[in-house]
Amino acid sequence: MGRTIHCIKLDRDAEGLRVPPYPGELGRRIYENISQEAWRMWLAHQTMLINEYRLSPIEPKARKFLEEEMEKFFFGEGSERPKEYVPPKE
């Protein structure tokens, strides 16, 4: 097991990320406060946002939207699913 941090998303101690997953101040905050498990949760949520909103991550407008949603997901009130989203049946 790597370094242990108190994950503010899960509100418990968990294994931290190995490297900052995003550039800049937001990446540093995520690295210091978010666990690997919570990061995986974000990646799944981000994929859903990209698919549902048909975003292209190379477009600056889409990247800004995803960064804002990441900030809300980890440090704010949470990033919501699109109203039209229907989870896949298992």
N, C-alpha and C. Protein backbone atom coordinates (compact mmCIF):
# COMPACT_ATOMS: atom_id res chain seq x y z
N MET A 1 0.83 -1.18 0.00
CA MET A 1 0.00 0.00 0.00
C MET A 1 0.88 1.24 0.00
N GLY A 2 0.48 2.24 -0.76
CA GLY A 2 1.22 3.49 -0.86
C GLY A 2 0.91 4.41 0.30
N ARG A 3 0.92 5.69 0.05
CA ARG A 3 0.65 6.66 1.10
C ARG A 3 -0.83 6.69 1.46
N THR A 4 -1.11 6.93 2.71
CA THR A 4 -2.48 7.00 3.19
C THR A 4 -2.84 8.46 3.45
N ILE A 5 -4.03 8.84 3.01
CA ILE A 5 -4.52 10.20 3.24
C ILE A 5 -5.93 10.11 3.81
N HIS A 6 -6.42 11.19 4.36
CA HIS A 6 -7.83 11.25 4.73
C HIS A 6 -8.56 11.82 3.53
N CYS A 7 -9.33 10.98 2.87
CA CYS A 7 -10.05 11.37 1.66
C CYS A 7 -11.27 12.20 2.06
N ILE A 8 -11.33 13.44 1.57
CA ILE A 8 -12.46 14.28 1.94
C ILE A 8 -13.73 13.90 1.17
N LYS A 9 -13.60 13.21 0.06
CA LYS A 9 -14.78 12.75 -0.69
C LYS A 9 -15.44 11.58 0.04
N LEU A 10 -14.63 10.62 0.50
CA LEU A 10 -15.15 9.43 1.17
C LEU A 10 -15.26 9.61 2.68
N ASP A 11 -14.64 10.66 3.20
CA ASP A 11 -14.59 10.95 4.63
C ASP A 11 -14.03 9.78 5.44
N ARG A 12 -12.91 9.25 4.93
CA ARG A 12 -12.21 8.19 5.67
C ARG A 12 -10.78 8.10 5.15
N ASP A 13 -9.92 7.43 5.93
CA ASP A 13 -8.55 7.22 5.49
C ASP A 13 -8.55 6.18 4.38
N ALA A 14 -7.74 6.45 3.36
CA ALA A 14 -7.67 5.55 2.20
C ALA A 14 -6.35 5.78 1.49
N GLU A 15 -6.05 4.89 0.55
CA GLU A 15 -4.81 5.00 -0.21
C GLU A 15 -4.86 6.21 -1.12
N GLY A 16 -3.82 7.04 -1.03
CA GLY A 16 -3.75 8.25 -1.84
C GLY A 16 -3.24 7.97 -3.24
N LEU A 17 -3.36 8.97 -4.07
CA LEU A 17 -2.87 8.88 -5.45
C LEU A 17 -1.35 8.87 -5.46
N ARG A 18 -0.78 8.27 -6.47
CA ARG A 18 0.69 8.18 -6.56
C ARG A 18 1.31 9.48 -7.07
N VAL A 19 0.60 10.15 -7.97
CA VAL A 19 1.06 11.42 -8.54
C VAL A 19 -0.15 12.33 -8.69
N PRO A 20 0.07 13.65 -8.77
CA PRO A 20 -1.06 14.54 -9.02
C PRO A 20 -1.71 14.17 -10.36
N PRO A 21 -3.03 13.98 -10.38
CA PRO A 21 -3.70 13.50 -11.58
C PRO A 21 -4.09 14.60 -12.56
N TYR A 22 -3.86 15.84 -12.18
CA TYR A 22 -4.29 16.98 -12.98
C TYR A 22 -3.30 18.11 -12.74
N PRO A 23 -3.07 18.95 -13.74
CA PRO A 23 -2.08 20.02 -13.54
C PRO A 23 -2.58 21.14 -12.63
N GLY A 24 -1.65 21.91 -12.13
CA GLY A 24 -1.98 23.13 -11.41
C GLY A 24 -2.45 22.91 -9.98
N GLU A 25 -3.04 23.98 -9.45
CA GLU A 25 -3.51 24.00 -8.07
C GLU A 25 -4.59 22.94 -7.82
N LEU A 26 -5.51 22.76 -8.74
CA LEU A 26 -6.56 21.75 -8.57
C LEU A 26 -5.95 20.36 -8.47
N GLY A 27 -4.96 20.06 -9.30
CA GLY A 27 -4.28 18.77 -9.24
C GLY A 27 -3.58 18.54 -7.91
N ARG A 28 -2.97 19.60 -7.38
CA ARG A 28 -2.29 19.51 -6.09
C ARG A 28 -3.30 19.23 -4.98
N ARG A 29 -4.43 19.93 -5.00
CA ARG A 29 -5.47 19.71 -3.98
C ARG A 29 -6.03 18.30 -4.06
N ILE A 30 -6.24 17.81 -5.26
CA ILE A 30 -6.74 16.45 -5.44
C ILE A 30 -5.72 15.45 -4.89
N TYR A 31 -4.46 15.64 -5.25
CA TYR A 31 -3.39 14.74 -4.79
C TYR A 31 -3.34 14.68 -3.27
N GLU A 32 -3.50 15.81 -2.61
CA GLU A 32 -3.37 15.88 -1.16
C GLU A 32 -4.61 15.40 -0.41
N ASN A 33 -5.80 15.44 -1.05
CA ASN A 33 -7.05 15.22 -0.33
C ASN A 33 -7.96 14.12 -0.88
N ILE A 34 -7.61 13.51 -2.00
CA ILE A 34 -8.51 12.57 -2.66
C ILE A 34 -7.83 11.21 -2.81
N SER A 35 -8.58 10.16 -2.51
CA SER A 35 -8.04 8.80 -2.58
C SER A 35 -8.12 8.24 -4.00
N GLN A 36 -7.41 7.14 -4.19
CA GLN A 36 -7.48 6.45 -5.49
C GLN A 36 -8.91 6.01 -5.79
N GLU A 37 -9.61 5.52 -4.78
CA GLU A 37 -11.00 5.08 -4.97
C GLU A 37 -11.90 6.23 -5.42
N ALA A 38 -11.78 7.38 -4.77
CA ALA A 38 -12.59 8.54 -5.14
C ALA A 38 -12.22 9.04 -6.53
N TRP A 39 -10.92 8.96 -6.89
CA TRP A 39 -10.50 9.36 -8.23
C TRP A 39 -11.14 8.45 -9.28
N ARG A 40 -11.19 7.15 -9.00
CA ARG A 40 -11.85 6.22 -9.94
C ARG A 40 -13.34 6.56 -10.07
N MET A 41 -13.96 6.97 -8.98
CA MET A 41 -15.37 7.38 -9.03
C MET A 41 -15.52 8.58 -9.96
N TRP A 42 -14.57 9.54 -9.87
CA TRP A 42 -14.62 10.70 -10.74
C TRP A 42 -14.45 10.29 -12.20
N LEU A 43 -13.51 9.40 -12.49
CA LEU A 43 -13.28 8.99 -13.88
C LEU A 43 -14.55 8.38 -14.48
N ALA A 44 -15.27 7.59 -13.71
CA ALA A 44 -16.53 7.01 -14.20
C ALA A 44 -17.57 8.12 -14.42
N HIS A 45 -17.63 9.06 -13.49
CA HIS A 45 -18.59 10.16 -13.62
C HIS A 45 -18.23 11.04 -14.82
N GLN A 46 -16.95 11.31 -14.98
CA GLN A 46 -16.49 12.13 -16.10
C GLN A 46 -16.82 11.46 -17.43
N THR A 47 -16.62 10.16 -17.51
CA THR A 47 -16.94 9.42 -18.73
C THR A 47 -18.43 9.55 -19.06
N MET A 48 -19.26 9.45 -18.04
CA MET A 48 -20.70 9.61 -18.23
C MET A 48 -21.02 11.01 -18.74
N LEU A 49 -20.40 12.04 -18.16
CA LEU A 49 -20.62 13.41 -18.61
C LEU A 49 -20.20 13.59 -20.07
N ILE A 50 -19.03 13.07 -20.40
CA ILE A 50 -18.53 13.18 -21.78
C ILE A 50 -19.50 12.51 -22.75
N ASN A 51 -19.96 11.33 -22.40
CA ASN A 51 -20.87 10.60 -23.29
C ASN A 51 -22.24 11.26 -23.38
N GLU A 52 -22.81 11.62 -22.25
CA GLU A 52 -24.17 12.18 -22.24
C GLU A 52 -24.23 13.55 -22.90
N TYR A 53 -23.22 14.37 -22.68
CA TYR A 53 -23.19 15.71 -23.26
C TYR A 53 -22.45 15.76 -24.60
N ARG A 54 -21.95 14.60 -25.02
CA ARG A 54 -21.22 14.49 -26.29
C ARG A 54 -20.07 15.51 -26.37
N LEU A 55 -19.26 15.50 -25.33
CA LEU A 55 -18.15 16.45 -25.21
C LEU A 55 -16.91 15.91 -25.91
N SER A 56 -16.12 16.83 -26.39
CA SER A 56 -14.80 16.50 -26.92
C SER A 56 -13.77 17.12 -25.97
N PRO A 57 -13.06 16.29 -25.21
CA PRO A 57 -12.12 16.83 -24.21
C PRO A 57 -11.01 17.71 -24.79
N ILE A 58 -10.84 17.71 -26.10
CA ILE A 58 -9.81 18.59 -26.67
C ILE A 58 -10.33 20.01 -26.89
N GLU A 59 -11.63 20.21 -26.80
CA GLU A 59 -12.20 21.55 -26.96
C GLU A 59 -12.08 22.31 -25.65
N PRO A 60 -11.57 23.54 -25.71
CA PRO A 60 -11.38 24.33 -24.48
C PRO A 60 -12.66 24.50 -23.66
N LYS A 61 -13.79 24.70 -24.31
CA LYS A 61 -15.06 24.89 -23.60
C LYS A 61 -15.43 23.61 -22.81
N ALA A 62 -15.25 22.45 -23.43
CA ALA A 62 -15.54 21.18 -22.78
C ALA A 62 -14.57 20.94 -21.62
N ARG A 63 -13.31 21.26 -21.82
CA ARG A 63 -12.32 21.08 -20.75
C ARG A 63 -12.63 21.96 -19.55
N LYS A 64 -13.05 23.19 -19.82
CA LYS A 64 -13.42 24.09 -18.73
C LYS A 64 -14.63 23.54 -17.97
N PHE A 65 -15.62 23.05 -18.69
CA PHE A 65 -16.80 22.45 -18.07
C PHE A 65 -16.40 21.27 -17.18
N LEU A 66 -15.57 20.38 -17.72
CA LEU A 66 -15.15 19.19 -16.95
C LEU A 66 -14.34 19.59 -15.72
N GLU A 67 -13.51 20.60 -15.85
CA GLU A 67 -12.73 21.05 -14.69
C GLU A 67 -13.65 21.62 -13.61
N GLU A 68 -14.65 22.39 -14.02
CA GLU A 68 -15.61 22.93 -13.06
C GLU A 68 -16.39 21.80 -12.38
N GLU A 69 -16.78 20.79 -13.14
CA GLU A 69 -17.50 19.66 -12.57
C GLU A 69 -16.60 18.86 -11.62
N MET A 70 -15.32 18.74 -11.96
CA MET A 70 -14.36 18.04 -11.09
C MET A 70 -14.24 18.78 -9.76
N GLU A 71 -14.14 20.09 -9.82
CA GLU A 71 -14.07 20.91 -8.61
C GLU A 71 -15.31 20.68 -7.75
N LYS A 72 -16.49 20.69 -8.36
CA LYS A 72 -17.73 20.47 -7.61
C LYS A 72 -17.79 19.04 -7.06
N PHE A 73 -17.36 18.06 -7.86
CA PHE A 73 -17.41 16.66 -7.46
C PHE A 73 -16.60 16.41 -6.20
N PHE A 74 -15.40 16.98 -6.14
CA PHE A 74 -14.52 16.73 -5.00
C PHE A 74 -14.66 17.73 -3.86
N PHE A 75 -14.85 19.00 -4.18
CA PHE A 75 -14.74 20.04 -3.16
C PHE A 75 -16.00 20.88 -2.98
N GLY A 76 -17.02 20.63 -3.76
CA GLY A 76 -18.24 21.43 -3.68
C GLY A 76 -19.45 20.59 -3.34
N GLU A 77 -20.56 20.99 -3.91
CA GLU A 77 -21.83 20.32 -3.63
C GLU A 77 -22.01 19.03 -4.40
N GLY A 78 -21.07 18.69 -5.26
CA GLY A 78 -21.16 17.47 -6.04
C GLY A 78 -21.56 17.77 -7.47
N SER A 79 -21.12 16.95 -8.37
CA SER A 79 -21.45 17.09 -9.78
C SER A 79 -22.66 16.20 -10.07
N GLU A 80 -23.69 16.79 -10.63
CA GLU A 80 -24.91 16.04 -10.87
C GLU A 80 -24.90 15.36 -12.23
N ARG A 81 -25.67 14.29 -12.32
CA ARG A 81 -25.87 13.62 -13.60
C ARG A 81 -26.79 14.47 -14.46
N PRO A 82 -26.67 14.37 -15.78
CA PRO A 82 -27.63 15.07 -16.65
C PRO A 82 -29.05 14.58 -16.35
N LYS A 83 -30.02 15.46 -16.46
CA LYS A 83 -31.41 15.10 -16.16
C LYS A 83 -31.91 13.93 -17.00
N GLU A 84 -31.42 13.83 -18.23
CA GLU A 84 -31.88 12.78 -19.15
C GLU A 84 -31.16 11.45 -18.95
N TYR A 85 -30.15 11.41 -18.08
CA TYR A 85 -29.33 10.22 -17.92
C TYR A 85 -30.15 9.03 -17.39
N VAL A 86 -29.99 7.91 -18.06
CA VAL A 86 -30.60 6.65 -17.62
C VAL A 86 -29.47 5.66 -17.42
N PRO A 87 -29.23 5.20 -16.18
CA PRO A 87 -28.13 4.27 -15.94
C PRO A 87 -28.33 2.96 -16.72
N PRO A 88 -27.24 2.36 -17.19
CA PRO A 88 -27.38 1.09 -17.91
C PRO A 88 -27.91 0.00 -16.98
N LYS A 89 -28.69 -0.89 -17.56
CA LYS A 89 -29.22 -2.01 -16.77
C LYS A 89 -28.15 -3.06 -16.62
N GLU A 90 -28.06 -3.61 -15.42
CA GLU A 90 -27.01 -4.60 -15.13
C GLU A 90 -27.44 -5.98 -15.54
